[in-house]
C-alpha atoms as a PDB file:
ATOM      1  CA  UNK A   1     -10.365  20.948  16.731  1.00  0.00           C
ATOM      2  CA  UNK A   2      -9.009  19.123  13.669  1.00  0.00           C
ATOM      3  CA  UNK A   3     -11.117  19.817  10.583  1.00  0.00           C
ATOM      4  CA  UNK A   4     -11.133  16.745   8.333  1.00  0.00           C
ATOM      5  CA  UNK A   5     -12.628  15.249   5.199  1.00  0.00           C
ATOM      6  CA  UNK A   6     -12.908  11.630   4.055  1.00  0.00           C
ATOM      7  CA  UNK A   7     -12.386  10.688   0.405  1.00  0.00           C
ATOM      8  CA  UNK A   8     -13.420   7.233  -0.833  1.00  0.00           C
ATOM      9  CA  UNK A   9     -15.527   5.921  -3.704  1.00  0.00           C
ATOM     10  CA  UNK A  10     -17.023   3.240  -1.418  1.00  0.00           C
ATOM     11  CA  UNK A  11     -20.003   4.382   0.649  1.00  0.00           C
ATOM     12  CA  UNK A  12     -19.435   1.742   3.347  1.00  0.00           C
ATOM     13  CA  UNK A  13     -15.830   2.861   3.792  1.00  0.00           C
ATOM     14  CA  UNK A  14     -16.992   6.453   4.265  1.00  0.00           C
ATOM     15  CA  UNK A  15     -19.534   5.318   6.837  1.00  0.00           C
ATOM     16  CA  UNK A  16     -16.786   3.621   8.835  1.00  0.00           C
ATOM     17  CA  UNK A  17     -14.713   6.831   8.863  1.00  0.00           C
ATOM     18  CA  UNK A  18     -17.778   8.877   9.848  1.00  0.00           C
ATOM     19  CA  UNK A  19     -18.529   6.508  12.710  1.00  0.00           C
ATOM     20  CA  UNK A  20     -14.936   6.638  13.968  1.00  0.00           C
ATOM     21  CA  UNK A  21     -14.744  10.430  13.712  1.00  0.00           C
ATOM     22  CA  UNK A  22     -17.907  10.817  15.787  1.00  0.00           C
ATOM     23  CA  UNK A  23     -16.197   8.963  18.638  1.00  0.00           C
ATOM     24  CA  UNK A  24     -13.266  11.407  18.789  1.00  0.00           C
ATOM     25  CA  UNK A  25     -14.137  14.841  20.211  1.00  0.00           C
ATOM     26  CA  UNK A  26     -11.078  16.517  18.668  1.00  0.00           C
ATOM     27  CA  UNK A  27     -12.201  15.720  15.100  1.00  0.00           C
ATOM     28  CA  UNK A  28     -14.763  17.606  13.032  1.00  0.00           C
ATOM     29  CA  UNK A  29     -15.836  15.949   9.779  1.00  0.00           C
ATOM     30  CA  UNK A  30     -16.490  18.750   7.293  1.00  0.00           C
ATOM     31  CA  UNK A  31     -17.599  16.559   4.405  1.00  0.00           C
ATOM     32  CA  UNK A  32     -17.242  13.163   2.738  1.00  0.00           C
ATOM     33  CA  UNK A  33     -16.294  12.938  -0.943  1.00  0.00           C
ATOM     34  CA  UNK A  34     -16.838   9.984  -3.252  1.00  0.00           C
ATOM     35  CA  UNK A  35     -14.182  11.036  -5.745  1.00  0.00           C
ATOM     36  CA  UNK A  36     -10.784  12.678  -5.733  1.00  0.00           C
ATOM     37  CA  UNK A  37     -12.097  15.338  -8.120  1.00  0.00           C
ATOM     38  CA  UNK A  38     -14.794  16.483  -5.692  1.00  0.00           C
ATOM     39  CA  UNK A  39     -12.191  16.522  -2.897  1.00  0.00           C
ATOM     40  CA  UNK A  40      -9.898  18.655  -5.054  1.00  0.00           C
ATOM     41  CA  UNK A  41     -12.650  21.206  -5.538  1.00  0.00           C
ATOM     42  CA  UNK A  42     -13.436  21.265  -1.830  1.00  0.00           C
ATOM     43  CA  UNK A  43      -9.781  21.720  -0.847  1.00  0.00           C
ATOM     44  CA  UNK A  44      -9.509  24.832  -3.014  1.00  0.00           C
ATOM     45  CA  UNK A  45     -12.488  26.405  -1.230  1.00  0.00           C
ATOM     46  CA  UNK A  46     -12.312  25.241   2.387  1.00  0.00           C
ATOM     47  CA  UNK A  47      -9.446  25.087   4.907  1.00  0.00           C
ATOM     48  CA  UNK A  48      -8.879  21.468   5.922  1.00  0.00           C
ATOM     49  CA  UNK A  49      -6.401  20.106   8.489  1.00  0.00           C
ATOM     50  CA  UNK A  50      -6.668  16.380   7.740  1.00  0.00           C
ATOM     51  CA  UNK A  51      -7.749  14.217   4.825  1.00  0.00           C
ATOM     52  CA  UNK A  52      -8.573  10.505   5.085  1.00  0.00           C
ATOM     53  CA  UNK A  53      -7.774   9.405   1.549  1.00  0.00           C
ATOM     54  CA  UNK A  54      -8.444   6.191  -0.352  1.00  0.00           C
ATOM     55  CA  UNK A  55      -5.998   5.313  -3.150  1.00  0.00           C
ATOM     56  CA  UNK A  56      -7.845   3.291  -5.792  1.00  0.00           C
ATOM     57  CA  UNK A  57     -10.573   5.551  -7.169  1.00  0.00           C
ATOM     58  CA  UNK A  58     -11.814   6.115 -10.743  1.00  0.00           C
ATOM     59  CA  UNK A  59     -10.666   9.076 -12.880  1.00  0.00           C
ATOM     60  CA  UNK A  60      -8.129  10.341 -10.328  1.00  0.00           C
ATOM     61  CA  UNK A  61      -6.439   8.155  -7.714  1.00  0.00           C
ATOM     62  CA  UNK A  62      -5.635   9.302  -4.210  1.00  0.00           C
ATOM     63  CA  UNK A  63      -1.895   9.442  -4.937  1.00  0.00           C
ATOM     64  CA  UNK A  64      -2.499  11.434  -8.126  1.00  0.00           C
ATOM     65  CA  UNK A  65      -4.614  13.865  -6.113  1.00  0.00           C
ATOM     66  CA  UNK A  66      -1.789  14.322  -3.616  1.00  0.00           C
ATOM     67  CA  UNK A  67       0.666  15.141  -6.389  1.00  0.00           C
ATOM     68  CA  UNK A  68      -1.586  17.920  -7.676  1.00  0.00           C
ATOM     69  CA  UNK A  69      -1.763  19.713  -4.305  1.00  0.00           C
ATOM     70  CA  UNK A  70       0.814  22.422  -3.640  1.00  0.00           C
ATOM     71  CA  UNK A  71      -0.035  22.699   0.056  1.00  0.00           C
ATOM     72  CA  UNK A  72      -1.907  19.524   1.065  1.00  0.00           C
ATOM     73  CA  UNK A  73      -3.385  18.977   4.513  1.00  0.00           C
ATOM     74  CA  UNK A  74      -2.125  16.169   6.710  1.00  0.00           C
ATOM     75  CA  UNK A  75      -3.040  12.888   5.002  1.00  0.00           C
ATOM     76  CA  UNK A  76      -3.930   9.451   6.334  1.00  0.00           C
ATOM     77  CA  UNK A  77      -4.199   6.931   3.515  1.00  0.00           C
ATOM     78  CA  UNK A  78      -6.988   4.353   3.853  1.00  0.00           C
ATOM     79  CA  UNK A  79      -6.700   1.446   1.440  1.00  0.00           C
ATOM     80  CA  UNK A  80      -6.964  -2.301   1.010  1.00  0.00           C
ATOM     81  CA  UNK A  81      -3.629  -2.433  -0.822  1.00  0.00           C
ATOM     82  CA  UNK A  82      -0.428  -2.376   1.264  1.00  0.00           C
ATOM     83  CA  UNK A  83       1.870  -2.241  -1.771  1.00  0.00           C
ATOM     84  CA  UNK A  84       1.420   1.533  -2.056  1.00  0.00           C
ATOM     85  CA  UNK A  85       2.839   2.249   1.413  1.00  0.00           C
ATOM     86  CA  UNK A  86       6.328   3.263   0.281  1.00  0.00           C
ATOM     87  CA  UNK A  87       5.027   5.573  -2.432  1.00  0.00           C
ATOM     88  CA  UNK A  88       2.607   7.102   0.066  1.00  0.00           C
ATOM     89  CA  UNK A  89       5.322   7.946   2.560  1.00  0.00           C
ATOM     90  CA  UNK A  90       7.421   9.470  -0.215  1.00  0.00           C
ATOM     91  CA  UNK A  91       4.510  11.931  -0.530  1.00  0.00           C
ATOM     92  CA  UNK A  92       4.806  12.692   3.205  1.00  0.00           C
ATOM     93  CA  UNK A  93       1.592  11.054   4.399  1.00  0.00           C
ATOM     94  CA  UNK A  94       1.251  10.807   8.166  1.00  0.00           C
ATOM     95  CA  UNK A  95      -0.020   7.241   8.349  1.00  0.00           C
ATOM     96  CA  UNK A  96      -1.222   4.339   6.215  1.00  0.00           C
ATOM     97  CA  UNK A  97      -4.255   2.349   7.344  1.00  0.00           C
ATOM     98  CA  UNK A  98      -5.122  -1.004   5.798  1.00  0.00           C
ATOM     99  CA  UNK A  99      -8.821  -1.861   5.413  1.00  0.00           C
ATOM    100  CA  UNK A 100     -10.678  -3.132   7.335  1.00  0.00           C
ATOM    101  CA  UNK A 101      -9.416  -0.428   9.711  1.00  0.00           C
ATOM    102  CA  UNK A 102      -9.401  -1.293  13.423  1.00  0.00           C
ATOM    103  CA  UNK A 103     -10.545   1.575  15.627  1.00  0.00           C
ATOM    104  CA  UNK A 104      -7.401   1.520  17.779  1.00  0.00           C
ATOM    105  CA  UNK A 105      -5.201   1.997  14.690  1.00  0.00           C
ATOM    106  CA  UNK A 106      -7.475   4.815  13.563  1.00  0.00           C
ATOM    107  CA  UNK A 107      -6.978   6.525  16.925  1.00  0.00           C
ATOM    108  CA  UNK A 108      -3.186   6.127  16.723  1.00  0.00           C
ATOM    109  CA  UNK A 109      -3.152   7.648  13.249  1.00  0.00           C
ATOM    110  CA  UNK A 110      -5.178  10.643  14.418  1.00  0.00           C
ATOM    111  CA  UNK A 111      -2.805  11.089  17.357  1.00  0.00           C
ATOM    112  CA  UNK A 112       0.093  11.246  14.896  1.00  0.00           C
ATOM    113  CA  UNK A 113      -1.702  13.991  12.996  1.00  0.00           C
ATOM    114  CA  UNK A 114      -2.372  15.887  16.211  1.00  0.00           C
ATOM    115  CA  UNK A 115       1.326  15.660  17.105  1.00  0.00           C
ATOM    116  CA  UNK A 116       2.367  16.877  13.685  1.00  0.00           C
ATOM    117  CA  UNK A 117      -0.037  19.823  13.743  1.00  0.00           C
ATOM    118  CA  UNK A 118       1.251  20.805  17.167  1.00  0.00           C
ATOM    119  CA  UNK A 119       4.878  20.273  16.073  1.00  0.00           C
ATOM    120  CA  UNK A 120       5.264  18.049  19.106  1.00  0.00           C
ATOM    121  CA  UNK A 121       7.363  15.365  17.444  1.00  0.00           C
ATOM    122  CA  UNK A 122       8.518  14.192  14.019  1.00  0.00           C
ATOM    123  CA  UNK A 123       6.268  11.431  12.734  1.00  0.00           C
ATOM    124  CA  UNK A 124       7.838  10.282   9.472  1.00  0.00           C
ATOM    125  CA  UNK A 125      10.061   7.570  10.966  1.00  0.00           C
ATOM    126  CA  UNK A 126       7.267   6.244  13.161  1.00  0.00           C
ATOM    127  CA  UNK A 127       4.874   6.170  10.226  1.00  0.00           C
ATOM    128  CA  UNK A 128       7.302   4.078   8.192  1.00  0.00           C
ATOM    129  CA  UNK A 129       7.611   1.684  11.127  1.00  0.00           C
ATOM    130  CA  UNK A 130       3.824   1.428  11.150  1.00  0.00           C
ATOM    131  CA  UNK A 131       3.813   0.486   7.478  1.00  0.00           C
ATOM    132  CA  UNK A 132       6.147  -2.390   8.234  1.00  0.00           C
ATOM    133  CA  UNK A 133       3.898  -3.600  11.031  1.00  0.00           C
ATOM    134  CA  UNK A 134       0.843  -3.449   8.799  1.00  0.00           C
ATOM    135  CA  UNK A 135       2.435  -5.450   5.998  1.00  0.00           C
ATOM    136  CA  UNK A 136       1.056  -9.001   5.811  1.00  0.00           C
ATOM    137  CA  UNK A 137       3.202 -11.800   7.195  1.00  0.00           C
ATOM    138  CA  UNK A 138       1.337 -14.440   5.200  1.00  0.00           C
ATOM    139  CA  UNK A 139      -1.117 -14.837   2.327  1.00  0.00           C
ATOM    140  CA  UNK A 140      -3.755 -17.430   1.501  1.00  0.00           C
ATOM    141  CA  UNK A 141      -4.029 -18.890  -1.993  1.00  0.00           C
ATOM    142  CA  UNK A 142      -6.264 -21.463  -3.620  1.00  0.00           C
ATOM    143  CA  UNK A 143      -4.381 -24.432  -5.015  1.00  0.00           C
ATOM    144  CA  UNK A 144      -6.075 -27.528  -6.398  1.00  0.00           C
ATOM    145  CA  UNK A 145      -9.075 -28.089  -4.091  1.00  0.00           C
ATOM    146  CA  UNK A 146      -7.908 -26.313  -0.957  1.00  0.00           C
ATOM    147  CA  UNK A 147      -6.839 -22.917   0.368  1.00  0.00           C
ATOM    148  CA  UNK A 148      -3.264 -22.822   1.657  1.00  0.00           C
ATOM    149  CA  UNK A 149      -1.439 -20.359   3.884  1.00  0.00           C
ATOM    150  CA  UNK A 150       2.037 -19.282   2.731  1.00  0.00           C
ATOM    151  CA  UNK A 151       4.391 -17.318   4.973  1.00  0.00           C
ATOM    152  CA  UNK A 152       5.696 -14.297   3.054  1.00  0.00           C
ATOM    153  CA  UNK A 153       9.246 -14.811   4.365  1.00  0.00           C
ATOM    154  CA  UNK A 154       9.348 -18.243   2.686  1.00  0.00           C
ATOM    155  CA  UNK A 155       8.529 -16.987  -0.822  1.00  0.00           C
ATOM    156  CA  UNK A 156      11.537 -16.851  -3.159  1.00  0.00           C
ATOM    157  CA  UNK A 157       9.938 -15.948  -6.475  1.00  0.00           C
ATOM    158  CA  UNK A 158       6.720 -16.263  -8.498  1.00  0.00           C
ATOM    159  CA  UNK A 159       6.617 -17.584 -12.031  1.00  0.00           C
ATOM    160  CA  UNK A 160       3.813 -16.858 -14.512  1.00  0.00           C
ATOM    161  CA  UNK A 161       2.860 -19.895 -16.603  1.00  0.00           C
ATOM    162  CA  UNK A 162       0.029 -19.045 -19.018  1.00  0.00           C
ATOM    163  CA  UNK A 163      -3.127 -19.636 -16.959  1.00  0.00           C
ATOM    164  CA  UNK A 164      -1.274 -20.420 -13.711  1.00  0.00           C
ATOM    165  CA  UNK A 165       1.318 -18.962 -11.394  1.00  0.00           C
ATOM    166  CA  UNK A 166       3.911 -21.158  -9.715  1.00  0.00           C
ATOM    167  CA  UNK A 167       4.954 -19.904  -6.278  1.00  0.00           C
ATOM    168  CA  UNK A 168       8.452 -21.049  -5.363  1.00  0.00           C
ATOM    169  CA  UNK A 169       9.102 -21.196  -1.612  1.00  0.00           C
ATOM    170  CA  UNK A 170      11.945 -22.373   0.607  1.00  0.00           C
ATOM    171  CA  UNK A 171      10.300 -25.776   1.033  1.00  0.00           C
ATOM    172  CA  UNK A 172       8.307 -26.477  -2.124  1.00  0.00           C
ATOM    173  CA  UNK A 173       6.276 -24.874  -4.920  1.00  0.00           C
ATOM    174  CA  UNK A 174       2.540 -24.441  -5.428  1.00  0.00           C
ATOM    175  CA  UNK A 175       0.313 -23.641  -8.402  1.00  0.00           C
ATOM    176  CA  UNK A 176      -2.573 -21.175  -8.327  1.00  0.00           C
ATOM    177  CA  UNK A 177      -4.965 -19.646 -10.851  1.00  0.00           C
ATOM    178  CA  UNK A 178      -4.364 -16.130  -9.502  1.00  0.00           C
ATOM    179  CA  UNK A 179      -2.543 -13.794 -11.893  1.00  0.00           C
ATOM    180  CA  UNK A 180       0.873 -12.303 -11.118  1.00  0.00           C
ATOM    181  CA  UNK A 181      -0.720  -8.870 -10.783  1.00  0.00           C
ATOM    182  CA  UNK A 182      -3.248 -10.083  -8.217  1.00  0.00           C
ATOM    183  CA  UNK A 183      -0.558 -11.864  -6.239  1.00  0.00           C
ATOM    184  CA  UNK A 184       1.628  -8.759  -6.264  1.00  0.00           C
ATOM    185  CA  UNK A 185      -1.271  -6.842  -4.683  1.00  0.00           C
ATOM    186  CA  UNK A 186      -1.335  -9.353  -1.829  1.00  0.00           C
ATOM    187  CA  UNK A 187       2.414  -9.183  -1.123  1.00  0.00           C
ATOM    188  CA  UNK A 188       4.291  -6.531   0.909  1.00  0.00           C
ATOM    189  CA  UNK A 189       5.351  -3.815  -1.527  1.00  0.00           C
ATOM    190  CA  UNK A 190       8.767  -3.246   0.001  1.00  0.00           C
ATOM    191  CA  UNK A 191       9.736  -6.917  -0.106  1.00  0.00           C
ATOM    192  CA  UNK A 192       8.866  -7.914  -3.682  1.00  0.00           C
ATOM    193  CA  UNK A 193       9.530  -6.489  -7.131  1.00  0.00           C
ATOM    194  CA  UNK A 194       8.403  -7.494 -10.600  1.00  0.00           C
ATOM    195  CA  UNK A 195      11.433  -8.085 -12.822  1.00  0.00           C
ATOM    196  CA  UNK A 196       9.775  -9.527 -15.920  1.00  0.00           C
ATOM    197  CA  UNK A 197       6.261 -10.038 -17.250  1.00  0.00           C
ATOM    198  CA  UNK A 198       6.562 -13.625 -16.017  1.00  0.00           C
ATOM    199  CA  UNK A 199       8.481 -13.174 -12.754  1.00  0.00           C
ATOM    200  CA  UNK A 200       8.183 -11.498  -9.358  1.00  0.00           C
ATOM    201  CA  UNK A 201      11.059 -11.944  -6.916  1.00  0.00           C
ATOM    202  CA  UNK A 202      11.696 -11.378  -3.217  1.00  0.00           C
ATOM    203  CA  UNK A 203      14.283  -8.583  -3.115  1.00  0.00           C
ATOM    204  CA  UNK A 204      16.105 -10.129  -0.151  1.00  0.00           C
ATOM    205  CA  UNK A 205      16.609 -13.381  -2.111  1.00  0.00           C
ATOM    206  CA  UNK A 206      18.554 -11.804  -4.982  1.00  0.00           C
ATOM    207  CA  UNK A 207      22.173 -12.962  -4.925  1.00  0.00           C
ATOM    208  CA  UNK A 208      23.476 -11.070  -7.948  1.00  0.00           C
ATOM    209  CA  UNK A 209      22.650  -9.375 -11.251  1.00  0.00           C
ATOM    210  CA  UNK A 210      24.457 -10.512 -14.379  1.00  0.00           C
ATOM    211  CA  UNK A 211      23.714  -8.495 -17.507  1.00  0.00           C
ATOM    212  CA  UNK A 212      20.035  -9.183 -18.188  1.00  0.00           C
ATOM    213  CA  UNK A 213      19.574 -11.852 -15.559  1.00  0.00           C
ATOM    214  CA  UNK A 214      19.059 -12.216 -11.829  1.00  0.00           C
ATOM    215  CA  UNK A 215      20.696 -15.052  -9.945  1.00  0.00           C
ATOM    216  CA  UNK A 216      18.908 -16.562  -6.948  1.00  0.00           C
ATOM    217  CA  UNK A 217      20.927 -19.518  -5.736  1.00  0.00           C
ATOM    218  CA  UNK A 218      21.306 -21.785  -8.756  1.00  0.00           C
ATOM    219  CA  UNK A 219      18.347 -20.224 -10.567  1.00  0.00           C
ATOM    220  CA  UNK A 220      18.712 -17.509 -13.213  1.00  0.00           C
ATOM    221  CA  UNK A 221      15.717 -15.344 -14.104  1.00  0.00           C
ATOM    222  CA  UNK A 222      15.445 -12.832 -16.971  1.00  0.00           C
ATOM    223  CA  UNK A 223      15.079  -9.074 -16.426  1.00  0.00           C
ATOM    224  CA  UNK A 224      12.522  -7.412 -18.686  1.00  0.00           C
ATOM    225  CA  UNK A 225      13.405  -4.005 -20.113  1.00  0.00           C
ATOM    226  CA  UNK A 226      10.125  -2.529 -18.830  1.00  0.00           C
ATOM    227  CA  UNK A 227      11.021  -3.533 -15.275  1.00  0.00           C
ATOM    228  CA  UNK A 228      14.759  -2.787 -15.188  1.00  0.00           C
ATOM    229  CA  UNK A 229      14.527   0.796 -13.892  1.00  0.00           C
ATOM    230  CA  UNK A 230      12.253  -0.118 -10.990  1.00  0.00           C
ATOM    231  CA  UNK A 231      14.469  -3.077 -10.094  1.00  0.00           C
ATOM    232  CA  UNK A 232      17.619  -0.940 -10.062  1.00  0.00           C
ATOM    233  CA  UNK A 233      15.873   1.667  -7.952  1.00  0.00           C
ATOM    234  CA  UNK A 234      14.833  -0.966  -5.438  1.00  0.00           C
ATOM    235  CA  UNK A 235      18.306  -2.429  -5.026  1.00  0.00           C
ATOM    236  CA  UNK A 236      20.024   0.959  -5.025  1.00  0.00           C
END
């Protein structure tokens, strides 16, 4: 029997986990927690095998909680934001589920935990593959009076322009009222990086770096000092 807890500040999200756990005879839900702080207290008092963990929570985020634990249980992250996948796997999480969570993906994630606990097979590489599968292949944005689908692979870079953002794609460009930060949340974390307060670029589209600028084709974009370290880390 795998003893588990669910940590999420949203009651409905906890109810989904509870419902899924009830369907799996090998899982025992010890408790649900609506904050990372209450989960931290529970983990110091009760042996737990598995933690379903949300990321964006007040006071202490799920990732911050993980960093405080010397000997954490197996962790399955449950979140609406795919951009944290890479950071999650650097903390050795078993799987990364994007809300709304389909039951079949929930079952697969639990199977990975079961395999890890039994030392049946290494799961890290498979979990990273899962993150790639779960990353969105397209996004929808509102532009003018309609909602438009944009394939992620076609996006070259995003340009902040006061109240608007211009999305440059392989075919054209579009304007939207969404902020750069909100758009970055929608995009796959491993494929895009913010390089300046006014620019987000697709990593695969970067042709070269020249001093404080990025070259993408014939376009040159500035590199902000606050973003340089993350950019260099991403391109190795």
